[in-house]
Amino acid sequence: MISIKIFLALSFLSFPVLSQSSINTELQKKITLMATEDQKWRKESENIDNGKASVYDKATIDYNWRKTDSLNLIEAKSIIKKYGFPGYDLVGESGSNRFWTIVQHCDNDVKFQQQVLLLMSKQVKLNNASGKDFAYLQDRVLLSTNKKQIFGTQVRYNPTTKTAKPLPLQDSINVDKRRKSVGLTPLNEYLKIFDRN
């Protein structure tokens, strides 16, 4: 009887260790490389737009930006097919966030973004993916399908007035409640980030 109790006690103690997933470092590295390339061409484009120096001309940047997005879309689809949405338990928090960034930029394939959104929502409910990231992707998909966004993450900046306003938003009265539910700051605070006074 004592040995059974000891076995059960040891089983419960070891259960969390057995149930933990290990990080897939190979996938994590792949996503990091994809995200690095994704950001490289966007930063170079921003440098040129802001009058800063770049070793690349605008045509080269635009070409590589499109090429990177196209290659990343193919690779992201492969990852989704094999793993589902890569959550914290698979690629760590930063890896999961980087993958979301890549999907955000797959605007040429809204159906794929919708597929990812469904898979991601399950991981968010399990606290295995970011609610903030989910909100950004959901708003992006809604606007891409001619619907109003929910969280007000997508904005239009007016360089004349130096202010940002959210793109079409449903139920604007309760937007801050929805934003708070996923860990986003109030909309007015968020819009101030875009002010360039």
N, C-alpha and C. Protein backbone atom coordinates (compact mmCIF):
# COMPACT_ATOMS: atom_id res chain seq x y z
N MET A 1 0.83 -1.20 0.00
CA MET A 1 0.00 0.00 0.00
C MET A 1 0.87 1.26 0.00
N ILE A 2 1.93 1.25 0.81
CA ILE A 2 2.82 2.41 0.88
C ILE A 2 3.50 2.63 -0.47
N SER A 3 3.92 1.53 -1.10
CA SER A 3 4.60 1.67 -2.39
C SER A 3 3.68 2.25 -3.45
N ILE A 4 2.39 1.93 -3.40
CA ILE A 4 1.43 2.49 -4.34
C ILE A 4 1.30 4.00 -4.13
N LYS A 5 1.23 4.42 -2.83
CA LYS A 5 1.13 5.85 -2.52
C LYS A 5 2.37 6.60 -3.00
N ILE A 6 3.54 5.99 -2.79
CA ILE A 6 4.78 6.63 -3.24
C ILE A 6 4.79 6.74 -4.75
N PHE A 7 4.37 5.69 -5.46
CA PHE A 7 4.32 5.70 -6.91
C PHE A 7 3.39 6.80 -7.41
N LEU A 8 2.19 6.91 -6.77
CA LEU A 8 1.24 7.93 -7.19
C LEU A 8 1.78 9.33 -6.92
N ALA A 9 2.44 9.49 -5.77
CA ALA A 9 3.02 10.79 -5.45
C ALA A 9 4.10 11.16 -6.46
N LEU A 10 4.96 10.22 -6.81
CA LEU A 10 6.01 10.47 -7.79
C LEU A 10 5.42 10.73 -9.17
N SER A 11 4.34 10.06 -9.49
CA SER A 11 3.68 10.27 -10.78
C SER A 11 3.16 11.70 -10.89
N PHE A 12 2.53 12.19 -9.81
CA PHE A 12 2.01 13.56 -9.83
C PHE A 12 3.14 14.57 -9.90
N LEU A 13 4.24 14.30 -9.20
CA LEU A 13 5.37 15.21 -9.22
C LEU A 13 6.01 15.27 -10.60
N SER A 14 6.05 14.15 -11.28
CA SER A 14 6.71 14.11 -12.58
C SER A 14 5.78 14.52 -13.72
N PHE A 15 4.47 14.59 -13.46
CA PHE A 15 3.51 14.90 -14.52
C PHE A 15 3.80 16.21 -15.24
N PRO A 16 4.07 17.32 -14.50
CA PRO A 16 4.35 18.57 -15.23
C PRO A 16 5.56 18.46 -16.14
N VAL A 17 6.56 17.73 -15.72
CA VAL A 17 7.76 17.57 -16.55
C VAL A 17 7.43 16.80 -17.81
N LEU A 18 6.61 15.75 -17.66
CA LEU A 18 6.25 14.94 -18.81
C LEU A 18 5.33 15.70 -19.78
N SER A 19 4.48 16.59 -19.22
CA SER A 19 3.52 17.27 -20.08
C SER A 19 4.10 18.50 -20.78
N GLN A 20 5.27 18.96 -20.35
CA GLN A 20 5.86 20.14 -20.96
C GLN A 20 6.41 19.82 -22.35
N SER A 21 6.17 20.72 -23.28
CA SER A 21 6.72 20.55 -24.62
C SER A 21 8.10 21.20 -24.65
N SER A 22 8.96 20.67 -25.45
CA SER A 22 10.26 21.31 -25.60
C SER A 22 10.22 22.22 -26.82
N ILE A 23 11.00 23.29 -26.76
CA ILE A 23 11.05 24.25 -27.85
C ILE A 23 11.70 23.61 -29.08
N ASN A 24 11.08 23.81 -30.22
CA ASN A 24 11.64 23.32 -31.47
C ASN A 24 12.62 24.38 -31.98
N THR A 25 13.88 24.21 -31.61
CA THR A 25 14.89 25.23 -31.93
C THR A 25 15.11 25.38 -33.44
N GLU A 26 14.97 24.31 -34.18
CA GLU A 26 15.15 24.39 -35.64
C GLU A 26 14.06 25.27 -36.25
N LEU A 27 12.82 25.06 -35.83
CA LEU A 27 11.71 25.87 -36.32
C LEU A 27 11.85 27.31 -35.83
N GLN A 28 12.28 27.47 -34.60
CA GLN A 28 12.49 28.80 -34.03
C GLN A 28 13.51 29.59 -34.85
N LYS A 29 14.60 28.94 -35.22
CA LYS A 29 15.63 29.60 -36.04
C LYS A 29 15.10 29.96 -37.42
N LYS A 30 14.33 29.04 -38.01
CA LYS A 30 13.75 29.30 -39.34
C LYS A 30 12.85 30.53 -39.30
N ILE A 31 11.99 30.61 -38.29
CA ILE A 31 11.08 31.74 -38.16
C ILE A 31 11.86 33.04 -37.93
N THR A 32 12.93 32.95 -37.14
CA THR A 32 13.76 34.14 -36.88
C THR A 32 14.40 34.65 -38.17
N LEU A 33 14.90 33.75 -38.99
CA LEU A 33 15.50 34.14 -40.27
C LEU A 33 14.45 34.77 -41.19
N MET A 34 13.26 34.20 -41.22
CA MET A 34 12.17 34.74 -42.04
C MET A 34 11.81 36.15 -41.57
N ALA A 35 11.69 36.32 -40.26
CA ALA A 35 11.31 37.62 -39.70
C ALA A 35 12.40 38.67 -39.91
N THR A 36 13.65 38.24 -39.82
CA THR A 36 14.77 39.17 -40.03
C THR A 36 14.75 39.71 -41.44
N GLU A 37 14.52 38.83 -42.40
CA GLU A 37 14.45 39.24 -43.81
C GLU A 37 13.22 40.13 -44.04
N ASP A 38 12.11 39.77 -43.42
CA ASP A 38 10.87 40.55 -43.51
C ASP A 38 11.12 41.99 -43.06
N GLN A 39 11.76 42.15 -41.92
CA GLN A 39 11.99 43.48 -41.35
C GLN A 39 13.08 44.26 -42.08
N LYS A 40 14.06 43.55 -42.61
CA LYS A 40 15.19 44.21 -43.29
C LYS A 40 14.70 45.15 -44.39
N TRP A 41 13.85 44.65 -45.27
CA TRP A 41 13.44 45.45 -46.43
C TRP A 41 12.44 46.53 -46.04
N ARG A 42 11.65 46.29 -45.00
CA ARG A 42 10.74 47.32 -44.51
C ARG A 42 11.52 48.47 -43.87
N LYS A 43 12.56 48.13 -43.13
CA LYS A 43 13.40 49.18 -42.51
C LYS A 43 14.16 49.97 -43.56
N GLU A 44 14.66 49.28 -44.58
CA GLU A 44 15.37 49.99 -45.66
C GLU A 44 14.43 50.94 -46.39
N SER A 45 13.20 50.50 -46.62
CA SER A 45 12.21 51.35 -47.29
C SER A 45 11.89 52.56 -46.41
N GLU A 46 11.73 52.33 -45.12
CA GLU A 46 11.45 53.43 -44.20
C GLU A 46 12.60 54.43 -44.17
N ASN A 47 13.83 53.93 -44.22
CA ASN A 47 15.00 54.82 -44.25
C ASN A 47 14.95 55.75 -45.46
N ILE A 48 14.68 55.18 -46.62
CA ILE A 48 14.61 56.00 -47.85
C ILE A 48 13.45 56.99 -47.76
N ASP A 49 12.30 56.53 -47.27
CA ASP A 49 11.14 57.41 -47.16
C ASP A 49 11.40 58.58 -46.21
N ASN A 50 12.26 58.35 -45.21
CA ASN A 50 12.58 59.39 -44.23
C ASN A 50 13.86 60.15 -44.56
N GLY A 51 14.36 59.95 -45.80
CA GLY A 51 15.54 60.69 -46.24
C GLY A 51 16.85 60.20 -45.65
N LYS A 52 16.85 59.00 -45.09
CA LYS A 52 18.08 58.45 -44.52
C LYS A 52 18.82 57.64 -45.58
N ALA A 53 20.10 57.42 -45.32
CA ALA A 53 20.93 56.69 -46.28
C ALA A 53 20.60 55.20 -46.29
N SER A 54 20.74 54.61 -47.46
CA SER A 54 20.59 53.17 -47.61
C SER A 54 21.58 52.71 -48.67
N VAL A 55 22.10 51.51 -48.52
CA VAL A 55 23.03 50.98 -49.52
C VAL A 55 22.27 50.45 -50.74
N TYR A 56 20.92 50.42 -50.63
CA TYR A 56 20.09 49.91 -51.72
C TYR A 56 19.28 51.05 -52.33
N ASP A 57 18.99 50.94 -53.63
CA ASP A 57 18.09 51.91 -54.24
C ASP A 57 16.64 51.42 -54.05
N LYS A 58 15.69 52.31 -54.30
CA LYS A 58 14.28 52.02 -54.05
C LYS A 58 13.79 50.81 -54.83
N ALA A 59 14.22 50.67 -56.08
CA ALA A 59 13.78 49.54 -56.91
C ALA A 59 14.26 48.21 -56.33
N THR A 60 15.49 48.18 -55.86
CA THR A 60 16.05 46.95 -55.25
C THR A 60 15.31 46.60 -53.97
N ILE A 61 15.03 47.62 -53.18
CA ILE A 61 14.30 47.40 -51.93
C ILE A 61 12.92 46.85 -52.21
N ASP A 62 12.19 47.49 -53.14
CA ASP A 62 10.83 47.04 -53.47
C ASP A 62 10.82 45.62 -54.01
N TYR A 63 11.79 45.31 -54.87
CA TYR A 63 11.87 43.96 -55.44
C TYR A 63 12.10 42.93 -54.33
N ASN A 64 13.07 43.19 -53.47
CA ASN A 64 13.40 42.24 -52.40
C ASN A 64 12.29 42.15 -51.36
N TRP A 65 11.59 43.24 -51.14
CA TRP A 65 10.45 43.23 -50.21
C TRP A 65 9.38 42.27 -50.74
N ARG A 66 9.01 42.43 -52.02
CA ARG A 66 7.99 41.55 -52.62
C ARG A 66 8.45 40.10 -52.64
N LYS A 67 9.71 39.89 -53.00
CA LYS A 67 10.26 38.53 -53.06
C LYS A 67 10.25 37.88 -51.68
N THR A 68 10.66 38.61 -50.67
CA THR A 68 10.69 38.09 -49.30
C THR A 68 9.29 37.73 -48.82
N ASP A 69 8.33 38.63 -49.06
CA ASP A 69 6.95 38.35 -48.65
C ASP A 69 6.41 37.11 -49.34
N SER A 70 6.74 36.95 -50.62
CA SER A 70 6.28 35.79 -51.38
C SER A 70 6.88 34.49 -50.84
N LEU A 71 8.19 34.50 -50.58
CA LEU A 71 8.86 33.32 -50.04
C LEU A 71 8.39 33.01 -48.63
N ASN A 72 8.20 34.06 -47.83
CA ASN A 72 7.73 33.86 -46.45
C ASN A 72 6.32 33.29 -46.42
N LEU A 73 5.47 33.69 -47.37
CA LEU A 73 4.12 33.14 -47.44
C LEU A 73 4.18 31.64 -47.70
N ILE A 74 5.00 31.23 -48.63
CA ILE A 74 5.13 29.80 -48.94
C ILE A 74 5.61 29.03 -47.71
N GLU A 75 6.62 29.58 -47.03
CA GLU A 75 7.19 28.91 -45.86
C GLU A 75 6.20 28.92 -44.69
N ALA A 76 5.47 30.02 -44.52
CA ALA A 76 4.48 30.12 -43.44
C ALA A 76 3.37 29.09 -43.64
N LYS A 77 2.94 28.90 -44.88
CA LYS A 77 1.92 27.89 -45.17
C LYS A 77 2.42 26.49 -44.81
N SER A 78 3.67 26.24 -45.12
CA SER A 78 4.28 24.95 -44.80
C SER A 78 4.32 24.72 -43.29
N ILE A 79 4.65 25.77 -42.55
CA ILE A 79 4.71 25.68 -41.08
C ILE A 79 3.32 25.42 -40.51
N ILE A 80 2.33 26.16 -41.00
CA ILE A 80 0.95 25.98 -40.52
C ILE A 80 0.46 24.56 -40.81
N LYS A 81 0.77 24.08 -42.00
CA LYS A 81 0.33 22.73 -42.39
C LYS A 81 0.94 21.66 -41.47
N LYS A 82 2.20 21.85 -41.10
CA LYS A 82 2.90 20.85 -40.29
C LYS A 82 2.64 20.98 -38.79
N TYR A 83 2.55 22.23 -38.29
CA TYR A 83 2.49 22.44 -36.84
C TYR A 83 1.22 23.11 -36.34
N GLY A 84 0.39 23.66 -37.23
CA GLY A 84 -0.66 24.54 -36.76
C GLY A 84 -0.01 25.88 -36.42
N PHE A 85 -0.69 26.71 -35.64
CA PHE A 85 -0.08 27.99 -35.27
C PHE A 85 1.01 27.73 -34.24
N PRO A 86 2.25 28.17 -34.49
CA PRO A 86 3.33 27.91 -33.55
C PRO A 86 3.23 28.80 -32.31
N GLY A 87 2.80 28.19 -31.22
CA GLY A 87 2.63 28.92 -29.97
C GLY A 87 3.89 28.95 -29.13
N TYR A 88 3.76 29.52 -27.94
CA TYR A 88 4.89 29.66 -27.03
C TYR A 88 5.56 28.33 -26.72
N ASP A 89 4.75 27.28 -26.57
CA ASP A 89 5.32 25.98 -26.19
C ASP A 89 6.17 25.36 -27.30
N LEU A 90 5.97 25.81 -28.53
CA LEU A 90 6.71 25.25 -29.67
C LEU A 90 7.93 26.08 -30.05
N VAL A 91 7.77 27.41 -30.08
CA VAL A 91 8.87 28.27 -30.55
C VAL A 91 9.19 29.42 -29.60
N GLY A 92 8.64 29.39 -28.39
CA GLY A 92 8.87 30.47 -27.44
C GLY A 92 8.01 31.68 -27.78
N GLU A 93 7.95 32.63 -26.86
CA GLU A 93 7.12 33.82 -27.06
C GLU A 93 7.62 34.66 -28.24
N SER A 94 8.93 34.86 -28.32
CA SER A 94 9.45 35.69 -29.41
C SER A 94 9.27 35.01 -30.76
N GLY A 95 9.43 33.69 -30.81
CA GLY A 95 9.23 32.96 -32.06
C GLY A 95 7.79 33.02 -32.53
N SER A 96 6.86 32.89 -31.58
CA SER A 96 5.44 32.96 -31.91
C SER A 96 5.08 34.36 -32.42
N ASN A 97 5.63 35.39 -31.75
CA ASN A 97 5.38 36.76 -32.17
C ASN A 97 5.96 37.03 -33.55
N ARG A 98 7.15 36.51 -33.83
CA ARG A 98 7.76 36.71 -35.15
C ARG A 98 6.93 36.04 -36.24
N PHE A 99 6.41 34.87 -35.94
CA PHE A 99 5.58 34.18 -36.94
C PHE A 99 4.34 35.01 -37.23
N TRP A 100 3.72 35.56 -36.20
CA TRP A 100 2.55 36.41 -36.39
C TRP A 100 2.89 37.61 -37.28
N THR A 101 4.07 38.21 -37.05
CA THR A 101 4.49 39.35 -37.87
C THR A 101 4.54 38.97 -39.34
N ILE A 102 5.08 37.80 -39.62
CA ILE A 102 5.17 37.32 -40.99
C ILE A 102 3.76 37.17 -41.59
N VAL A 103 2.85 36.58 -40.82
CA VAL A 103 1.47 36.38 -41.30
C VAL A 103 0.78 37.72 -41.53
N GLN A 104 1.05 38.70 -40.67
CA GLN A 104 0.49 40.05 -40.84
C GLN A 104 0.81 40.59 -42.23
N HIS A 105 1.96 40.21 -42.74
CA HIS A 105 2.42 40.74 -44.03
C HIS A 105 2.04 39.85 -45.22
N CYS A 106 1.18 38.87 -44.98
CA CYS A 106 0.70 37.99 -46.06
C CYS A 106 -0.62 38.52 -46.61
N ASP A 107 -0.69 39.83 -46.82
CA ASP A 107 -1.93 40.46 -47.26
C ASP A 107 -2.41 40.00 -48.63
N ASN A 108 -1.53 39.43 -49.42
CA ASN A 108 -1.93 38.94 -50.75
C ASN A 108 -2.70 37.62 -50.66
N ASP A 109 -2.79 37.05 -49.45
CA ASP A 109 -3.52 35.80 -49.27
C ASP A 109 -4.36 35.89 -48.00
N VAL A 110 -5.47 36.61 -48.10
CA VAL A 110 -6.34 36.83 -46.94
C VAL A 110 -6.94 35.52 -46.45
N LYS A 111 -7.19 34.58 -47.34
CA LYS A 111 -7.73 33.28 -46.91
C LYS A 111 -6.75 32.57 -45.99
N PHE A 112 -5.48 32.69 -46.30
CA PHE A 112 -4.46 32.10 -45.42
C PHE A 112 -4.45 32.82 -44.07
N GLN A 113 -4.54 34.14 -44.09
CA GLN A 113 -4.59 34.90 -42.83
C GLN A 113 -5.80 34.48 -42.00
N GLN A 114 -6.93 34.24 -42.65
CA GLN A 114 -8.14 33.79 -41.95
C GLN A 114 -7.91 32.42 -41.32
N GLN A 115 -7.24 31.54 -42.07
CA GLN A 115 -6.93 30.20 -41.55
C GLN A 115 -6.05 30.31 -40.30
N VAL A 116 -5.04 31.16 -40.39
CA VAL A 116 -4.13 31.35 -39.25
C VAL A 116 -4.89 31.93 -38.07
N LEU A 117 -5.78 32.86 -38.34
CA LEU A 117 -6.57 33.50 -37.29
C LEU A 117 -7.37 32.47 -36.49
N LEU A 118 -7.98 31.53 -37.19
CA LEU A 118 -8.74 30.48 -36.50
C LEU A 118 -7.83 29.60 -35.64
N LEU A 119 -6.70 29.22 -36.19
CA LEU A 119 -5.76 28.39 -35.43
C LEU A 119 -5.17 29.16 -34.25
N MET A 120 -4.89 30.43 -34.48
CA MET A 120 -4.31 31.27 -33.44
C MET A 120 -5.28 31.48 -32.29
N SER A 121 -6.57 31.64 -32.61
CA SER A 121 -7.57 31.88 -31.56
C SER A 121 -7.59 30.74 -30.54
N LYS A 122 -7.39 29.53 -31.01
CA LYS A 122 -7.35 28.37 -30.10
C LYS A 122 -6.14 28.46 -29.17
N GLN A 123 -5.01 28.90 -29.71
CA GLN A 123 -3.79 29.02 -28.90
C GLN A 123 -3.90 30.18 -27.90
N VAL A 124 -4.58 31.24 -28.29
CA VAL A 124 -4.79 32.38 -27.38
C VAL A 124 -5.64 31.93 -26.19
N LYS A 125 -6.66 31.15 -26.45
CA LYS A 125 -7.53 30.64 -25.38
C LYS A 125 -6.75 29.76 -24.41
N LEU A 126 -5.70 29.12 -24.89
CA LEU A 126 -4.86 28.26 -24.05
C LEU A 126 -3.69 29.05 -23.43
N ASN A 127 -3.70 30.37 -23.60
CA ASN A 127 -2.58 31.23 -23.15
C ASN A 127 -1.26 30.80 -23.77
N ASN A 128 -1.33 30.32 -24.99
CA ASN A 128 -0.15 29.82 -25.70
C ASN A 128 0.21 30.71 -26.90
N ALA A 129 -0.47 31.86 -27.01
CA ALA A 129 -0.19 32.85 -28.06
C ALA A 129 -0.70 34.19 -27.56
N SER A 130 -0.25 35.25 -28.19
CA SER A 130 -0.55 36.61 -27.74
C SER A 130 -1.94 37.09 -28.15
N GLY A 131 -2.71 37.54 -27.18
CA GLY A 131 -4.01 38.14 -27.46
C GLY A 131 -3.87 39.44 -28.23
N LYS A 132 -2.79 40.18 -27.95
CA LYS A 132 -2.54 41.43 -28.68
C LYS A 132 -2.30 41.14 -30.15
N ASP A 133 -1.43 40.17 -30.42
CA ASP A 133 -1.14 39.80 -31.81
C ASP A 133 -2.41 39.36 -32.53
N PHE A 134 -3.22 38.58 -31.82
CA PHE A 134 -4.48 38.10 -32.39
C PHE A 134 -5.37 39.28 -32.78
N ALA A 135 -5.44 40.29 -31.91
CA ALA A 135 -6.28 41.47 -32.18
C ALA A 135 -5.82 42.19 -33.44
N TYR A 136 -4.51 42.37 -33.58
CA TYR A 136 -3.97 43.04 -34.78
C TYR A 136 -4.32 42.26 -36.05
N LEU A 137 -4.16 40.94 -36.01
CA LEU A 137 -4.44 40.13 -37.19
C LEU A 137 -5.94 40.12 -37.50
N GLN A 138 -6.75 40.04 -36.46
CA GLN A 138 -8.20 40.04 -36.68
C GLN A 138 -8.65 41.34 -37.35
N ASP A 139 -8.16 42.47 -36.83
CA ASP A 139 -8.51 43.75 -37.44
C ASP A 139 -8.07 43.82 -38.89
N ARG A 140 -6.89 43.35 -39.16
CA ARG A 140 -6.33 43.40 -40.52
C ARG A 140 -7.19 42.57 -41.48
N VAL A 141 -7.57 41.38 -41.03
CA VAL A 141 -8.39 40.49 -41.86
C VAL A 141 -9.77 41.10 -42.08
N LEU A 142 -10.37 41.67 -41.04
CA LEU A 142 -11.69 42.28 -41.19
C LEU A 142 -11.66 43.40 -42.22
N LEU A 143 -10.67 44.28 -42.13
CA LEU A 143 -10.58 45.38 -43.09
C LEU A 143 -10.31 44.87 -44.51
N SER A 144 -9.52 43.81 -44.62
CA SER A 144 -9.23 43.24 -45.94
C SER A 144 -10.45 42.62 -46.59
N THR A 145 -11.43 42.27 -45.76
CA THR A 145 -12.67 41.67 -46.29
C THR A 145 -13.83 42.67 -46.22
N ASN A 146 -13.47 43.96 -46.26
CA ASN A 146 -14.45 45.06 -46.30
C ASN A 146 -15.40 45.09 -45.11
N LYS A 147 -14.87 44.74 -43.94
CA LYS A 147 -15.65 44.82 -42.70
C LYS A 147 -14.95 45.80 -41.77
N LYS A 148 -15.67 46.24 -40.75
CA LYS A 148 -15.08 47.16 -39.78
C LYS A 148 -14.25 46.39 -38.76
N GLN A 149 -13.14 47.00 -38.36
CA GLN A 149 -12.27 46.36 -37.37
C GLN A 149 -12.91 46.42 -35.98
N ILE A 150 -12.37 45.60 -35.06
CA ILE A 150 -12.93 45.47 -33.72
C ILE A 150 -12.09 46.21 -32.68
N PHE A 151 -10.77 46.16 -32.81
CA PHE A 151 -9.88 46.67 -31.76
C PHE A 151 -9.24 48.03 -32.09
N GLY A 152 -9.40 48.50 -33.30
CA GLY A 152 -8.84 49.80 -33.67
C GLY A 152 -7.33 49.81 -33.81
N THR A 153 -6.76 48.67 -34.19
CA THR A 153 -5.30 48.59 -34.32
C THR A 153 -4.79 49.15 -35.64
N GLN A 154 -5.65 49.20 -36.64
CA GLN A 154 -5.24 49.65 -37.96
C GLN A 154 -5.65 51.12 -38.12
N VAL A 155 -4.67 51.95 -38.42
CA VAL A 155 -4.92 53.40 -38.45
C VAL A 155 -4.45 54.02 -39.76
N ARG A 156 -4.92 55.25 -39.99
CA ARG A 156 -4.44 56.06 -41.12
C ARG A 156 -3.82 57.32 -40.53
N TYR A 157 -2.58 57.59 -40.95
CA TYR A 157 -1.87 58.76 -40.45
C TYR A 157 -2.01 59.90 -41.44
N ASN A 158 -2.35 61.08 -40.93
CA ASN A 158 -2.49 62.28 -41.76
C ASN A 158 -1.25 63.15 -41.55
N PRO A 159 -0.36 63.23 -42.55
CA PRO A 159 0.87 64.01 -42.37
C PRO A 159 0.64 65.51 -42.22
N THR A 160 -0.49 66.00 -42.71
CA THR A 160 -0.78 67.44 -42.60
C THR A 160 -1.13 67.81 -41.16
N THR A 161 -2.04 67.03 -40.56
CA THR A 161 -2.45 67.32 -39.18
C THR A 161 -1.56 66.61 -38.16
N LYS A 162 -0.70 65.71 -38.66
CA LYS A 162 0.20 64.91 -37.81
C LYS A 162 -0.57 64.13 -36.74
N THR A 163 -1.68 63.57 -37.18
CA THR A 163 -2.50 62.76 -36.27
C THR A 163 -2.90 61.46 -36.97
N ALA A 164 -3.23 60.47 -36.15
CA ALA A 164 -3.68 59.19 -36.68
C ALA A 164 -5.12 58.95 -36.24
N LYS A 165 -5.89 58.32 -37.12
CA LYS A 165 -7.26 57.95 -36.79
C LYS A 165 -7.45 56.49 -37.17
N PRO A 166 -8.25 55.77 -36.37
CA PRO A 166 -8.48 54.37 -36.73
C PRO A 166 -9.27 54.25 -38.02
N LEU A 167 -8.96 53.24 -38.79
CA LEU A 167 -9.75 52.90 -39.96
C LEU A 167 -11.13 52.43 -39.47
N PRO A 168 -12.12 52.27 -40.37
CA PRO A 168 -13.49 51.98 -39.92
C PRO A 168 -13.56 50.97 -38.77
N LEU A 169 -14.30 51.38 -37.73
CA LEU A 169 -14.33 50.65 -36.47
C LEU A 169 -15.78 50.40 -36.04
N GLN A 170 -16.07 49.16 -35.66
CA GLN A 170 -17.41 48.87 -35.18
C GLN A 170 -17.51 49.11 -33.67
N ASP A 171 -18.67 49.54 -33.23
CA ASP A 171 -18.96 49.75 -31.81
C ASP A 171 -17.83 50.50 -31.11
N SER A 172 -17.56 51.71 -31.59
CA SER A 172 -16.44 52.49 -31.07
C SER A 172 -16.58 52.83 -29.59
N ILE A 173 -17.80 52.88 -29.08
CA ILE A 173 -18.03 53.20 -27.67
C ILE A 173 -17.36 52.18 -26.75
N ASN A 174 -17.39 50.93 -27.16
CA ASN A 174 -16.84 49.86 -26.31
C ASN A 174 -15.46 49.36 -26.74
N VAL A 175 -14.79 50.11 -27.61
CA VAL A 175 -13.51 49.64 -28.14
C VAL A 175 -12.46 49.47 -27.04
N ASP A 176 -12.44 50.37 -26.06
CA ASP A 176 -11.43 50.26 -25.02
C ASP A 176 -11.64 49.04 -24.13
N LYS A 177 -12.89 48.63 -23.95
CA LYS A 177 -13.16 47.39 -23.19
C LYS A 177 -12.58 46.20 -23.94
N ARG A 178 -12.80 46.19 -25.25
CA ARG A 178 -12.27 45.08 -26.06
C ARG A 178 -10.75 45.10 -26.07
N ARG A 179 -10.18 46.30 -26.20
CA ARG A 179 -8.72 46.43 -26.20
C ARG A 179 -8.14 45.93 -24.87
N LYS A 180 -8.76 46.32 -23.78
CA LYS A 180 -8.28 45.90 -22.46
C LYS A 180 -8.33 44.38 -22.32
N SER A 181 -9.35 43.76 -22.89
CA SER A 181 -9.52 42.31 -22.75
C SER A 181 -8.38 41.51 -23.38
N VAL A 182 -7.65 42.13 -24.32
CA VAL A 182 -6.52 41.43 -24.94
C VAL A 182 -5.18 42.06 -24.56
N GLY A 183 -5.22 43.02 -23.62
CA GLY A 183 -3.98 43.61 -23.13
C GLY A 183 -3.48 44.82 -23.90
N LEU A 184 -4.34 45.43 -24.71
CA LEU A 184 -3.96 46.64 -25.45
C LEU A 184 -4.27 47.89 -24.63
N THR A 185 -3.49 48.94 -24.86
CA THR A 185 -3.73 50.22 -24.20
C THR A 185 -4.99 50.86 -24.77
N PRO A 186 -5.56 51.85 -24.05
CA PRO A 186 -6.73 52.55 -24.60
C PRO A 186 -6.41 53.16 -25.97
N LEU A 187 -7.43 53.28 -26.79
CA LEU A 187 -7.24 53.72 -28.18
C LEU A 187 -6.57 55.10 -28.26
N ASN A 188 -6.98 56.04 -27.44
CA ASN A 188 -6.38 57.38 -27.49
C ASN A 188 -4.87 57.34 -27.22
N GLU A 189 -4.46 56.50 -26.27
CA GLU A 189 -3.03 56.36 -25.98
C GLU A 189 -2.30 55.74 -27.17
N TYR A 190 -2.92 54.76 -27.76
CA TYR A 190 -2.33 54.08 -28.93
C TYR A 190 -2.14 55.05 -30.08
N LEU A 191 -3.12 55.90 -30.33
CA LEU A 191 -3.05 56.84 -31.45
C LEU A 191 -1.93 57.87 -31.26
N LYS A 192 -1.61 58.18 -30.01
CA LYS A 192 -0.55 59.15 -29.74
C LYS A 192 0.83 58.65 -30.20
N ILE A 193 0.98 57.34 -30.29
CA ILE A 193 2.25 56.75 -30.75
C ILE A 193 2.57 57.25 -32.16
N PHE A 194 1.53 57.50 -32.94
CA PHE A 194 1.72 57.88 -34.35
C PHE A 194 1.93 59.37 -34.53
N ASP A 195 1.69 60.15 -33.47
CA ASP A 195 1.88 61.60 -33.57
C ASP A 195 3.34 61.90 -33.81
N ARG A 196 3.63 62.78 -34.77
CA ARG A 196 5.01 63.11 -35.10
C ARG A 196 5.25 64.61 -34.96
N ASN A 197 4.93 65.14 -33.80
CA ASN A 197 5.11 66.58 -33.56
C ASN A 197 6.56 66.95 -33.42
